């Protein structure tokens, strides 16, 4: 990933964090599905750092079936217990990647709340 792409991702994170920008959230969520690993990882970290500001957009994308395993991982990393139900809906998913990501995310959320 070049410096311009990295700068763009940081700009999206700023717009999401400061203004709750739907467009910025969409760009970062799309980055979760990038062919470039560094873009996927950076997008995930920035969405995690956006925390609760990102949650409504993550849930929307999750319900559309967009980058489901990655979104579940981000929701788990945020650790908000309000997202536990959204995450647990996927624990019995027929796709083993989705089911594993949901189980991992659920465990992270439980750990965050002290259980």
PDB file of N, CA and C in Angstrom:
ATOM      1  N   UNK A   1       0.856  -1.170   0.000  1.00  0.00           N
ATOM      2  CA  UNK A   1       0.000   0.000   0.000  1.00  0.00           C
ATOM      3  C   UNK A   1       0.897   1.226   0.000  1.00  0.00           C
ATOM      4  N   UNK A   2       0.613   2.116  -0.898  1.00  0.00           N
ATOM      5  CA  UNK A   2       1.401   3.329  -0.982  1.00  0.00           C
ATOM      6  C   UNK A   2       0.948   4.380   0.015  1.00  0.00           C
ATOM      7  N   UNK A   3       1.761   5.418   0.173  1.00  0.00           N
ATOM      8  CA  UNK A   3       1.428   6.463   1.143  1.00  0.00           C
ATOM      9  C   UNK A   3       0.122   7.196   0.834  1.00  0.00           C
ATOM     10  N   UNK A   4      -0.213   7.323  -0.446  1.00  0.00           N
ATOM     11  CA  UNK A   4      -1.476   8.000  -0.781  1.00  0.00           C
ATOM     12  C   UNK A   4      -2.678   7.172  -0.335  1.00  0.00           C
ATOM     13  N   UNK A   5      -2.604   5.867  -0.560  1.00  0.00           N
ATOM     14  CA  UNK A   5      -3.696   4.987  -0.137  1.00  0.00           C
ATOM     15  C   UNK A   5      -3.820   4.992   1.391  1.00  0.00           C
ATOM     16  N   UNK A   6      -2.681   4.945   2.081  1.00  0.00           N
ATOM     17  CA  UNK A   6      -2.684   4.987   3.540  1.00  0.00           C
ATOM     18  C   UNK A   6      -3.274   6.302   4.027  1.00  0.00           C
ATOM     19  N   UNK A   7      -2.890   7.395   3.405  1.00  0.00           N
ATOM     20  CA  UNK A   7      -3.429   8.709   3.767  1.00  0.00           C
ATOM     21  C   UNK A   7      -4.931   8.782   3.553  1.00  0.00           C
ATOM     22  N   UNK A   8      -5.395   8.171   2.462  1.00  0.00           N
ATOM     23  CA  UNK A   8      -6.837   8.163   2.197  1.00  0.00           C
ATOM     24  C   UNK A   8      -7.576   7.391   3.287  1.00  0.00           C
ATOM     25  N   UNK A   9      -7.033   6.237   3.684  1.00  0.00           N
ATOM     26  CA  UNK A   9      -7.676   5.454   4.742  1.00  0.00           C
ATOM     27  C   UNK A   9      -7.722   6.241   6.051  1.00  0.00           C
ATOM     28  N   UNK A  10      -6.636   6.929   6.368  1.00  0.00           N
ATOM     29  CA  UNK A  10      -6.621   7.757   7.584  1.00  0.00           C
ATOM     30  C   UNK A  10      -7.645   8.886   7.491  1.00  0.00           C
ATOM     31  N   UNK A  11      -7.781   9.454   6.313  1.00  0.00           N
ATOM     32  CA  UNK A  11      -8.784  10.503   6.109  1.00  0.00           C
ATOM     33  C   UNK A  11     -10.193   9.981   6.295  1.00  0.00           C
ATOM     34  N   UNK A  12     -10.450   8.782   5.794  1.00  0.00           N
ATOM     35  CA  UNK A  12     -11.770   8.174   5.987  1.00  0.00           C
ATOM     36  C   UNK A  12     -12.038   7.954   7.471  1.00  0.00           C
ATOM     37  N   UNK A  13     -11.016   7.488   8.191  1.00  0.00           N
ATOM     38  CA  UNK A  13     -11.176   7.257   9.632  1.00  0.00           C
ATOM     39  C   UNK A  13     -11.489   8.563  10.350  1.00  0.00           C
ATOM     40  N   UNK A  14     -10.804   9.639   9.969  1.00  0.00           N
ATOM     41  CA  UNK A  14     -11.060  10.936  10.593  1.00  0.00           C
ATOM     42  C   UNK A  14     -12.493  11.388  10.314  1.00  0.00           C
ATOM     43  N   UNK A  15     -12.933  11.232   9.078  1.00  0.00           N
ATOM     44  CA  UNK A  15     -14.296  11.647   8.718  1.00  0.00           C
ATOM     45  C   UNK A  15     -15.339  10.809   9.455  1.00  0.00           C
ATOM     46  N   UNK A  16     -15.055   9.540   9.628  1.00  0.00           N
ATOM     47  CA  UNK A  16     -15.973   8.678  10.363  1.00  0.00           C
ATOM     48  C   UNK A  16     -15.999   9.062  11.836  1.00  0.00           C
ATOM     49  N   UNK A  17     -14.829   9.267  12.414  1.00  0.00           N
ATOM     50  CA  UNK A  17     -14.740   9.573  13.840  1.00  0.00           C
ATOM     51  C   UNK A  17     -15.292  10.936  14.200  1.00  0.00           C
ATOM     52  N   UNK A  18     -15.053  11.915  13.352  1.00  0.00           N
ATOM     53  CA  UNK A  18     -15.481  13.280  13.663  1.00  0.00           C
ATOM     54  C   UNK A  18     -16.921  13.565  13.270  1.00  0.00           C
ATOM     55  N   UNK A  19     -17.322  13.053  12.119  1.00  0.00           N
ATOM     56  CA  UNK A  19     -18.638  13.416  11.600  1.00  0.00           C
ATOM     57  C   UNK A  19     -19.577  12.234  11.433  1.00  0.00           C
ATOM     58  N   UNK A  20     -19.095  11.030  11.713  1.00  0.00           N
ATOM     59  CA  UNK A  20     -19.946   9.860  11.511  1.00  0.00           C
ATOM     60  C   UNK A  20     -20.279   9.642  10.048  1.00  0.00           C
ATOM     61  N   UNK A  21     -19.349   9.971   9.169  1.00  0.00           N
ATOM     62  CA  UNK A  21     -19.576   9.928   7.728  1.00  0.00           C
ATOM     63  C   UNK A  21     -19.885   8.514   7.221  1.00  0.00           C
ATOM     64  N   UNK A  22     -21.064   8.353   6.626  1.00  0.00           N
ATOM     65  CA  UNK A  22     -21.467   7.080   6.018  1.00  0.00           C
ATOM     66  C   UNK A  22     -20.532   6.726   4.863  1.00  0.00           C
ATOM     67  N   UNK A  23     -20.181   7.703   4.058  1.00  0.00           N
ATOM     68  CA  UNK A  23     -19.301   7.461   2.919  1.00  0.00           C
ATOM     69  C   UNK A  23     -17.930   6.961   3.379  1.00  0.00           C
ATOM     70  N   UNK A  24     -17.390   7.580   4.417  1.00  0.00           N
ATOM     71  CA  UNK A  24     -16.090   7.159   4.936  1.00  0.00           C
ATOM     72  C   UNK A  24     -16.177   5.741   5.493  1.00  0.00           C
ATOM     73  N   UNK A  25     -17.245   5.452   6.215  1.00  0.00           N
ATOM     74  CA  UNK A  25     -17.429   4.104   6.753  1.00  0.00           C
ATOM     75  C   UNK A  25     -17.505   3.094   5.616  1.00  0.00           C
ATOM     76  N   UNK A  26     -18.215   3.428   4.558  1.00  0.00           N
ATOM     77  CA  UNK A  26     -18.342   2.532   3.407  1.00  0.00           C
ATOM     78  C   UNK A  26     -16.995   2.240   2.769  1.00  0.00           C
ATOM     79  N   UNK A  27     -16.161   3.259   2.667  1.00  0.00           N
ATOM     80  CA  UNK A  27     -14.822   3.075   2.080  1.00  0.00           C
ATOM     81  C   UNK A  27     -13.981   2.144   2.950  1.00  0.00           C
ATOM     82  N   UNK A  28     -14.033   2.335   4.267  1.00  0.00           N
ATOM     83  CA  UNK A  28     -13.257   1.477   5.168  1.00  0.00           C
ATOM     84  C   UNK A  28     -13.802   0.046   5.167  1.00  0.00           C
ATOM     85  N   UNK A  29     -15.107  -0.099   5.122  1.00  0.00           N
ATOM     86  CA  UNK A  29     -15.707  -1.435   5.080  1.00  0.00           C
ATOM     87  C   UNK A  29     -15.340  -2.126   3.772  1.00  0.00           C
ATOM     88  N   UNK A  30     -15.354  -1.393   2.686  1.00  0.00           N
ATOM     89  CA  UNK A  30     -14.922  -1.962   1.405  1.00  0.00           C
ATOM     90  C   UNK A  30     -13.464  -2.394   1.471  1.00  0.00           C
ATOM     91  N   UNK A  31     -12.657  -1.641   2.215  1.00  0.00           N
ATOM     92  CA  UNK A  31     -11.247  -1.989   2.377  1.00  0.00           C
ATOM     93  C   UNK A  31     -11.046  -3.338   3.046  1.00  0.00           C
ATOM     94  N   UNK A  32     -12.020  -3.779   3.837  1.00  0.00           N
ATOM     95  CA  UNK A  32     -11.933  -5.090   4.485  1.00  0.00           C
ATOM     96  C   UNK A  32     -11.906  -6.222   3.461  1.00  0.00           C
ATOM     97  N   UNK A  33     -12.412  -5.964   2.277  1.00  0.00           N
ATOM     98  CA  UNK A  33     -12.443  -6.981   1.226  1.00  0.00           C
ATOM     99  C   UNK A  33     -11.369  -6.795   0.164  1.00  0.00           C
ATOM    100  N   UNK A  34     -10.426  -5.911   0.421  1.00  0.00           N
ATOM    101  CA  UNK A  34      -9.366  -5.636  -0.547  1.00  0.00           C
ATOM    102  C   UNK A  34      -8.507  -6.862  -0.803  1.00  0.00           C
ATOM    103  N   UNK A  35      -7.940  -6.935  -1.990  1.00  0.00           N
ATOM    104  CA  UNK A  35      -6.981  -7.992  -2.302  1.00  0.00           C
ATOM    105  C   UNK A  35      -5.651  -7.737  -1.610  1.00  0.00           C
ATOM    106  N   UNK A  36      -5.409  -6.509  -1.202  1.00  0.00           N
ATOM    107  CA  UNK A  36      -4.161  -6.149  -0.533  1.00  0.00           C
ATOM    108  C   UNK A  36      -4.309  -6.347   0.977  1.00  0.00           C
ATOM    109  N   UNK A  37      -3.471  -7.200   1.533  1.00  0.00           N
ATOM    110  CA  UNK A  37      -3.556  -7.504   2.952  1.00  0.00           C
ATOM    111  C   UNK A  37      -3.387  -6.265   3.824  1.00  0.00           C
ATOM    112  N   UNK A  38      -2.454  -5.397   3.458  1.00  0.00           N
ATOM    113  CA  UNK A  38      -2.232  -4.210   4.295  1.00  0.00           C
ATOM    114  C   UNK A  38      -3.436  -3.283   4.287  1.00  0.00           C
ATOM    115  N   UNK A  39      -4.164  -3.230   3.194  1.00  0.00           N
ATOM    116  CA  UNK A  39      -5.389  -2.420   3.146  1.00  0.00           C
ATOM    117  C   UNK A  39      -6.453  -3.051   4.044  1.00  0.00           C
ATOM    118  N   UNK A  40      -6.590  -4.386   3.978  1.00  0.00           N
ATOM    119  CA  UNK A  40      -7.567  -5.082   4.836  1.00  0.00           C
ATOM    120  C   UNK A  40      -7.255  -4.845   6.308  1.00  0.00           C
ATOM    121  N   UNK A  41      -5.998  -5.030   6.679  1.00  0.00           N
ATOM    122  CA  UNK A  41      -5.605  -4.898   8.084  1.00  0.00           C
ATOM    123  C   UNK A  41      -5.776  -3.460   8.559  1.00  0.00           C
ATOM    124  N   UNK A  42      -5.321  -2.514   7.756  1.00  0.00           N
ATOM    125  CA  UNK A  42      -5.430  -1.098   8.142  1.00  0.00           C
ATOM    126  C   UNK A  42      -6.892  -0.677   8.254  1.00  0.00           C
ATOM    127  N   UNK A  43      -7.716  -1.102   7.309  1.00  0.00           N
ATOM    128  CA  UNK A  43      -9.146  -0.773   7.371  1.00  0.00           C
ATOM    129  C   UNK A  43      -9.773  -1.345   8.634  1.00  0.00           C
ATOM    130  N   UNK A  44      -9.446  -2.586   8.968  1.00  0.00           N
ATOM    131  CA  UNK A  44      -9.976  -3.198  10.181  1.00  0.00           C
ATOM    132  C   UNK A  44      -9.539  -2.466  11.438  1.00  0.00           C
ATOM    133  N   UNK A  45      -8.262  -2.097  11.484  1.00  0.00           N
ATOM    134  CA  UNK A  45      -7.767  -1.369  12.665  1.00  0.00           C
ATOM    135  C   UNK A  45      -8.443  -0.007  12.795  1.00  0.00           C
ATOM    136  N   UNK A  46      -8.629   0.682  11.682  1.00  0.00           N
ATOM    137  CA  UNK A  46      -9.238   2.011  11.743  1.00  0.00           C
ATOM    138  C   UNK A  46     -10.715   1.927  12.114  1.00  0.00           C
ATOM    139  N   UNK A  47     -11.414   0.926  11.624  1.00  0.00           N
ATOM    140  CA  UNK A  47     -12.816   0.739  12.020  1.00  0.00           C
ATOM    141  C   UNK A  47     -12.911   0.388  13.502  1.00  0.00           C
ATOM    142  N   UNK A  48     -11.986  -0.436  13.971  1.00  0.00           N
ATOM    143  CA  UNK A  48     -11.968  -0.780  15.394  1.00  0.00           C
ATOM    144  C   UNK A  48     -11.732   0.463  16.232  1.00  0.00           C
ATOM    145  N   UNK A  49     -10.808   1.296  15.817  1.00  0.00           N
ATOM    146  CA  UNK A  49     -10.524   2.522  16.566  1.00  0.00           C
ATOM    147  C   UNK A  49     -11.697   3.487  16.523  1.00  0.00           C
ATOM    148  N   UNK A  50     -12.489   3.444  15.453  1.00  0.00           N
ATOM    149  CA  UNK A  50     -13.681   4.298  15.378  1.00  0.00           C
ATOM    150  C   UNK A  50     -14.741   3.817  16.370  1.00  0.00           C
ATOM    151  N   UNK A  51     -14.667   2.559  16.758  1.00  0.00           N
ATOM    152  CA  UNK A  51     -15.532   2.014  17.797  1.00  0.00           C
ATOM    153  C   UNK A  51     -17.008   2.139  17.509  1.00  0.00           C
ATOM    154  N   UNK A  52     -17.725   2.650  18.481  1.00  0.00           N
ATOM    155  CA  UNK A  52     -19.189   2.724  18.379  1.00  0.00           C
ATOM    156  C   UNK A  52     -19.668   3.604  17.228  1.00  0.00           C
ATOM    157  N   UNK A  53     -18.848   4.537  16.807  1.00  0.00           N
ATOM    158  CA  UNK A  53     -19.230   5.360  15.644  1.00  0.00           C
ATOM    159  C   UNK A  53     -19.389   4.507  14.396  1.00  0.00           C
ATOM    160  N   UNK A  54     -18.588   3.447  14.312  1.00  0.00           N
ATOM    161  CA  UNK A  54     -18.621   2.583  13.132  1.00  0.00           C
ATOM    162  C   UNK A  54     -19.702   1.516  13.204  1.00  0.00           C
ATOM    163  N   UNK A  55     -20.172   1.209  14.378  1.00  0.00           N
ATOM    164  CA  UNK A  55     -21.079   0.073  14.566  1.00  0.00           C
ATOM    165  C   UNK A  55     -22.322   0.085  13.674  1.00  0.00           C
ATOM    166  N   UNK A  56     -23.057   1.193  13.562  1.00  0.00           N
ATOM    167  CA  UNK A  56     -24.263   1.131  12.718  1.00  0.00           C
ATOM    168  C   UNK A  56     -23.952   0.763  11.269  1.00  0.00           C
ATOM    169  N   UNK A  57     -22.836   1.255  10.764  1.00  0.00           N
ATOM    170  CA  UNK A  57     -22.447   0.975   9.378  1.00  0.00           C
ATOM    171  C   UNK A  57     -21.957  -0.465   9.235  1.00  0.00           C
ATOM    172  N   UNK A  58     -21.269  -0.956  10.261  1.00  0.00           N
ATOM    173  CA  UNK A  58     -20.823  -2.348  10.251  1.00  0.00           C
ATOM    174  C   UNK A  58     -22.020  -3.294  10.272  1.00  0.00           C
ATOM    175  N   UNK A  59     -23.020  -2.987  11.089  1.00  0.00           N
ATOM    176  CA  UNK A  59     -24.215  -3.828  11.166  1.00  0.00           C
ATOM    177  C   UNK A  59     -24.964  -3.806   9.839  1.00  0.00           C
ATOM    178  N   UNK A  60     -25.085  -2.644   9.217  1.00  0.00           N
ATOM    179  CA  UNK A  60     -25.738  -2.557   7.903  1.00  0.00           C
ATOM    180  C   UNK A  60     -25.024  -3.445   6.888  1.00  0.00           C
ATOM    181  N   UNK A  61     -23.703  -3.349   6.851  1.00  0.00           N
ATOM    182  CA  UNK A  61     -22.918  -4.151   5.910  1.00  0.00           C
ATOM    183  C   UNK A  61     -23.033  -5.635   6.235  1.00  0.00           C
ATOM    184  N   UNK A  62     -23.061  -5.963   7.500  1.00  0.00           N
ATOM    185  CA  UNK A  62     -23.214  -7.349   7.939  1.00  0.00           C
ATOM    186  C   UNK A  62     -24.545  -7.905   7.441  1.00  0.00           C
ATOM    187  N   UNK A  63     -25.589  -7.141   7.560  1.00  0.00           N
ATOM    188  CA  UNK A  63     -26.920  -7.582   7.126  1.00  0.00           C
ATOM    189  C   UNK A  63     -27.028  -7.702   5.614  1.00  0.00           C
ATOM    190  N   UNK A  64     -26.173  -6.963   4.898  1.00  0.00           N
ATOM    191  CA  UNK A  64     -26.116  -7.086   3.432  1.00  0.00           C
ATOM    192  C   UNK A  64     -25.232  -8.254   3.006  1.00  0.00           C
ATOM    193  N   UNK A  65     -24.506  -8.841   3.957  1.00  0.00           N
ATOM    194  CA  UNK A  65     -23.626  -9.953   3.638  1.00  0.00           C
ATOM    195  C   UNK A  65     -22.272  -9.525   3.097  1.00  0.00           C
ATOM    196  N   UNK A  66     -21.877  -8.314   3.401  1.00  0.00           N
ATOM    197  CA  UNK A  66     -20.633  -7.741   2.879  1.00  0.00           C
ATOM    198  C   UNK A  66     -19.468  -8.028   3.836  1.00  0.00           C
ATOM    199  N   UNK A  67     -18.455  -8.718   3.361  1.00  0.00           N
ATOM    200  CA  UNK A  67     -17.235  -8.975   4.146  1.00  0.00           C
ATOM    201  C   UNK A  67     -17.561  -9.495   5.555  1.00  0.00           C
ATOM    202  N   UNK A  68     -18.457 -10.457   5.639  1.00  0.00           N
ATOM    203  CA  UNK A  68     -18.998 -10.905   6.931  1.00  0.00           C
ATOM    204  C   UNK A  68     -17.923 -11.339   7.928  1.00  0.00           C
ATOM    205  N   UNK A  69     -17.000 -12.244   7.577  1.00  0.00           N
ATOM    206  CA  UNK A  69     -16.011 -12.641   8.587  1.00  0.00           C
ATOM    207  C   UNK A  69     -15.196 -11.456   9.114  1.00  0.00           C
ATOM    208  N   UNK A  70     -14.792 -10.570   8.225  1.00  0.00           N
ATOM    209  CA  UNK A  70     -13.989  -9.416   8.641  1.00  0.00           C
ATOM    210  C   UNK A  70     -14.797  -8.466   9.523  1.00  0.00           C
ATOM    211  N   UNK A  71     -16.050  -8.252   9.187  1.00  0.00           N
ATOM    212  CA  UNK A  71     -16.889  -7.365   9.991  1.00  0.00           C
ATOM    213  C   UNK A  71     -17.118  -7.962  11.373  1.00  0.00           C
ATOM    214  N   UNK A  72     -17.331  -9.260  11.435  1.00  0.00           N
ATOM    215  CA  UNK A  72     -17.485  -9.909  12.734  1.00  0.00           C
ATOM    216  C   UNK A  72     -16.227  -9.733  13.580  1.00  0.00           C
ATOM    217  N   UNK A  73     -15.060  -9.868  12.953  1.00  0.00           N
ATOM    218  CA  UNK A  73     -13.800  -9.662  13.676  1.00  0.00           C
ATOM    219  C   UNK A  73     -13.696  -8.242  14.213  1.00  0.00           C
ATOM    220  N   UNK A  74     -14.086  -7.266  13.406  1.00  0.00           N
ATOM    221  CA  UNK A  74     -14.028  -5.872  13.849  1.00  0.00           C
ATOM    222  C   UNK A  74     -14.993  -5.649  15.010  1.00  0.00           C
ATOM    223  N   UNK A  75     -16.214  -6.157  14.892  1.00  0.00           N
ATOM    224  CA  UNK A  75     -17.184  -5.994  15.980  1.00  0.00           C
ATOM    225  C   UNK A  75     -16.672  -6.638  17.264  1.00  0.00           C
ATOM    226  N   UNK A  76     -16.035  -7.788  17.148  1.00  0.00           N
ATOM    227  CA  UNK A  76     -15.447  -8.418  18.315  1.00  0.00           C
ATOM    228  C   UNK A  76     -14.337  -7.579  18.919  1.00  0.00           C
ATOM    229  N   UNK A  77     -13.527  -6.990  18.064  1.00  0.00           N
ATOM    230  CA  UNK A  77     -12.426  -6.148  18.541  1.00  0.00           C
ATOM    231  C   UNK A  77     -12.928  -4.875  19.222  1.00  0.00           C
ATOM    232  N   UNK A  78     -14.042  -4.345  18.747  1.00  0.00           N
ATOM    233  CA  UNK A  78     -14.627  -3.167  19.400  1.00  0.00           C
ATOM    234  C   UNK A  78     -15.091  -3.568  20.803  1.00  0.00           C
ATOM    235  N   UNK A  79     -15.676  -4.752  20.914  1.00  0.00           N
ATOM    236  CA  UNK A  79     -16.010  -5.300  22.227  1.00  0.00           C
ATOM    237  C   UNK A  79     -17.256  -4.752  22.892  1.00  0.00           C
ATOM    238  N   UNK A  80     -18.153  -4.148  22.122  1.00  0.00           N
ATOM    239  CA  UNK A  80     -19.372  -3.575  22.687  1.00  0.00           C
ATOM    240  C   UNK A  80     -20.409  -4.676  22.919  1.00  0.00           C
ATOM    241  N   UNK A  81     -20.825  -4.864  24.159  1.00  0.00           N
ATOM    242  CA  UNK A  81     -21.773  -5.936  24.470  1.00  0.00           C
ATOM    243  C   UNK A  81     -23.113  -5.749  23.762  1.00  0.00           C
ATOM    244  N   UNK A  82     -23.427  -4.555  23.327  1.00  0.00           N
ATOM    245  CA  UNK A  82     -24.668  -4.321  22.584  1.00  0.00           C
ATOM    246  C   UNK A  82     -24.653  -5.039  21.231  1.00  0.00           C
ATOM    247  N   UNK A  83     -23.486  -5.418  20.765  1.00  0.00           N
ATOM    248  CA  UNK A  83     -23.351  -6.084  19.467  1.00  0.00           C
ATOM    249  C   UNK A  83     -23.352  -7.606  19.587  1.00  0.00           C
ATOM    250  N   UNK A  84     -23.449  -8.116  20.804  1.00  0.00           N
ATOM    251  CA  UNK A  84     -23.364  -9.556  21.022  1.00  0.00           C
ATOM    252  C   UNK A  84     -24.431 -10.324  20.246  1.00  0.00           C
ATOM    253  N   UNK A  85     -25.650  -9.836  20.243  1.00  0.00           N
ATOM    254  CA  UNK A  85     -26.726 -10.503  19.512  1.00  0.00           C
ATOM    255  C   UNK A  85     -26.476 -10.539  18.019  1.00  0.00           C
ATOM    256  N   UNK A  86     -25.991  -9.434  17.467  1.00  0.00           N
ATOM    257  CA  UNK A  86     -25.674  -9.379  16.034  1.00  0.00           C
ATOM    258  C   UNK A  86     -24.620 -10.412  15.675  1.00  0.00           C
ATOM    259  N   UNK A  87     -23.619 -10.518  16.521  1.00  0.00           N
ATOM    260  CA  UNK A  87     -22.512 -11.437  16.276  1.00  0.00           C
ATOM    261  C   UNK A  87     -22.968 -12.885  16.416  1.00  0.00           C
ATOM    262  N   UNK A  88     -23.706 -13.178  17.457  1.00  0.00           N
ATOM    263  CA  UNK A  88     -24.088 -14.557  17.750  1.00  0.00           C
ATOM    264  C   UNK A  88     -25.058 -15.149  16.735  1.00  0.00           C
ATOM    265  N   UNK A  89     -25.719 -14.297  15.950  1.00  0.00           N
ATOM    266  CA  UNK A  89     -26.598 -14.800  14.889  1.00  0.00           C
ATOM    267  C   UNK A  89     -25.828 -15.644  13.870  1.00  0.00           C
ATOM    268  N   UNK A  90     -24.508 -15.456  13.823  1.00  0.00           N
ATOM    269  CA  UNK A  90     -23.692 -16.109  12.802  1.00  0.00           C
ATOM    270  C   UNK A  90     -22.910 -17.315  13.328  1.00  0.00           C
ATOM    271  N   UNK A  91     -23.055 -17.647  14.599  1.00  0.00           N
ATOM    272  CA  UNK A  91     -22.254 -18.730  15.178  1.00  0.00           C
ATOM    273  C   UNK A  91     -22.528 -20.078  14.511  1.00  0.00           C
ATOM    274  N   UNK A  92     -23.747 -20.312  14.073  1.00  0.00           N
ATOM    275  CA  UNK A  92     -24.085 -21.582  13.412  1.00  0.00           C
ATOM    276  C   UNK A  92     -24.149 -21.458  11.895  1.00  0.00           C
ATOM    277  N   UNK A  93     -23.490 -20.454  11.350  1.00  0.00           N
ATOM    278  CA  UNK A  93     -23.495 -20.240   9.902  1.00  0.00           C
ATOM    279  C   UNK A  93     -22.880 -21.450   9.194  1.00  0.00           C
ATOM    280  N   UNK A  94     -23.425 -21.825   8.044  1.00  0.00           N
ATOM    281  CA  UNK A  94     -22.870 -22.974   7.320  1.00  0.00           C
ATOM    282  C   UNK A  94     -21.446 -22.734   6.779  1.00  0.00           C
ATOM    283  N   UNK A  95     -21.065 -21.479   6.596  1.00  0.00           N
ATOM    284  CA  UNK A  95     -19.701 -21.174   6.151  1.00  0.00           C
ATOM    285  C   UNK A  95     -18.789 -21.229   7.373  1.00  0.00           C
ATOM    286  N   UNK A  96     -17.842 -22.135   7.403  1.00  0.00           N
ATOM    287  CA  UNK A  96     -16.995 -22.282   8.591  1.00  0.00           C
ATOM    288  C   UNK A  96     -16.175 -21.030   8.927  1.00  0.00           C
ATOM    289  N   UNK A  97     -15.823 -20.237   7.916  1.00  0.00           N
ATOM    290  CA  UNK A  97     -15.088 -18.991   8.190  1.00  0.00           C
ATOM    291  C   UNK A  97     -15.966 -18.004   8.944  1.00  0.00           C
ATOM    292  N   UNK A  98     -17.221 -17.924   8.559  1.00  0.00           N
ATOM    293  CA  UNK A  98     -18.168 -17.020   9.218  1.00  0.00           C
ATOM    294  C   UNK A  98     -18.454 -17.508  10.635  1.00  0.00           C
ATOM    295  N   UNK A  99     -18.716 -18.801  10.781  1.00  0.00           N
ATOM    296  CA  UNK A  99     -19.018 -19.358  12.105  1.00  0.00           C
ATOM    297  C   UNK A  99     -17.838 -19.158  13.062  1.00  0.00           C
ATOM    298  N   UNK A 100     -16.623 -19.366  12.565  1.00  0.00           N
ATOM    299  CA  UNK A 100     -15.429 -19.199  13.409  1.00  0.00           C
ATOM    300  C   UNK A 100     -15.246 -17.735  13.796  1.00  0.00           C
ATOM    301  N   UNK A 101     -15.413 -16.837  12.840  1.00  0.00           N
ATOM    302  CA  UNK A 101     -15.277 -15.403  13.128  1.00  0.00           C
ATOM    303  C   UNK A 101     -16.322 -14.967  14.151  1.00  0.00           C
ATOM    304  N   UNK A 102     -17.538 -15.495  14.037  1.00  0.00           N
ATOM    305  CA  UNK A 102     -18.598 -15.146  14.994  1.00  0.00           C
ATOM    306  C   UNK A 102     -18.262 -15.666  16.387  1.00  0.00           C
ATOM    307  N   UNK A 103     -17.781 -16.891  16.473  1.00  0.00           N
ATOM    308  CA  UNK A 103     -17.416 -17.455  17.775  1.00  0.00           C
ATOM    309  C   UNK A 103     -16.277 -16.660  18.411  1.00  0.00           C
ATOM    310  N   UNK A 104     -15.282 -16.322  17.614  1.00  0.00           N
ATOM    311  CA  UNK A 104     -14.157 -15.529  18.128  1.00  0.00           C
ATOM    312  C   UNK A 104     -14.617 -14.145  18.585  1.00  0.00           C
ATOM    313  N   UNK A 105     -15.467 -13.511  17.776  1.00  0.00           N
ATOM    314  CA  UNK A 105     -15.967 -12.179  18.120  1.00  0.00           C
ATOM    315  C   UNK A 105     -16.802 -12.222  19.392  1.00  0.00           C
ATOM    316  N   UNK A 106     -17.634 -13.235  19.518  1.00  0.00           N
ATOM    317  CA  UNK A 106     -18.466 -13.382  20.712  1.00  0.00           C
ATOM    318  C   UNK A 106     -17.590 -13.536  21.952  1.00  0.00           C
ATOM    319  N   UNK A 107     -16.542 -14.324  21.833  1.00  0.00           N
ATOM    320  CA  UNK A 107     -15.630 -14.512  22.957  1.00  0.00           C
ATOM    321  C   UNK A 107     -14.941 -13.198  23.336  1.00  0.00           C
ATOM    322  N   UNK A 108     -14.521 -12.426  22.338  1.00  0.00           N
ATOM    323  CA  UNK A 108     -13.886 -11.131  22.619  1.00  0.00           C
ATOM    324  C   UNK A 108     -14.846 -10.181  23.335  1.00  0.00           C
ATOM    325  N   UNK A 109     -16.088 -10.175  22.898  1.00  0.00           N
ATOM    326  CA  UNK A 109     -17.082  -9.303  23.531  1.00  0.00           C
ATOM    327  C   UNK A 109     -17.295  -9.720  24.991  1.00  0.00           C
ATOM    328  N   UNK A 110     -17.405 -11.017  25.220  1.00  0.00           N
ATOM    329  CA  UNK A 110     -17.579 -11.496  26.595  1.00  0.00           C
ATOM    330  C   UNK A 110     -16.364 -11.131  27.455  1.00  0.00           C
ATOM    331  N   UNK A 111     -15.169 -11.263  26.905  1.00  0.00           N
ATOM    332  CA  UNK A 111     -13.960 -10.895  27.654  1.00  0.00           C
ATOM    333  C   UNK A 111     -13.933  -9.411  27.982  1.00  0.00           C
ATOM    334  N   UNK A 112     -14.381  -8.605  27.029  1.00  0.00           N
ATOM    335  CA  UNK A 112     -14.382  -7.152  27.236  1.00  0.00           C
ATOM    336  C   UNK A 112     -15.315  -6.750  28.380  1.00  0.00           C
ATOM    337  N   UNK A 113     -16.423  -7.458  28.492  1.00  0.00           N
ATOM    338  CA  UNK A 113     -17.364  -7.102  29.559  1.00  0.00           C
ATOM    339  C   UNK A 113     -17.037  -7.811  30.865  1.00  0.00           C
ATOM    340  N   UNK A 114     -15.951  -8.596  30.848  1.00  0.00           N
ATOM    341  CA  UNK A 114     -15.486  -9.201  32.083  1.00  0.00           C
ATOM    342  C   UNK A 114     -16.007 -10.582  32.357  1.00  0.00           C
ATOM    343  N   UNK A 115     -16.527 -11.256  31.338  1.00  0.00           N
ATOM    344  CA  UNK A 115     -17.074 -12.594  31.556  1.00  0.00           C
ATOM    345  C   UNK A 115     -16.342 -13.551  30.775  1.00  0.00           C
TER     346      UNK A 115
END
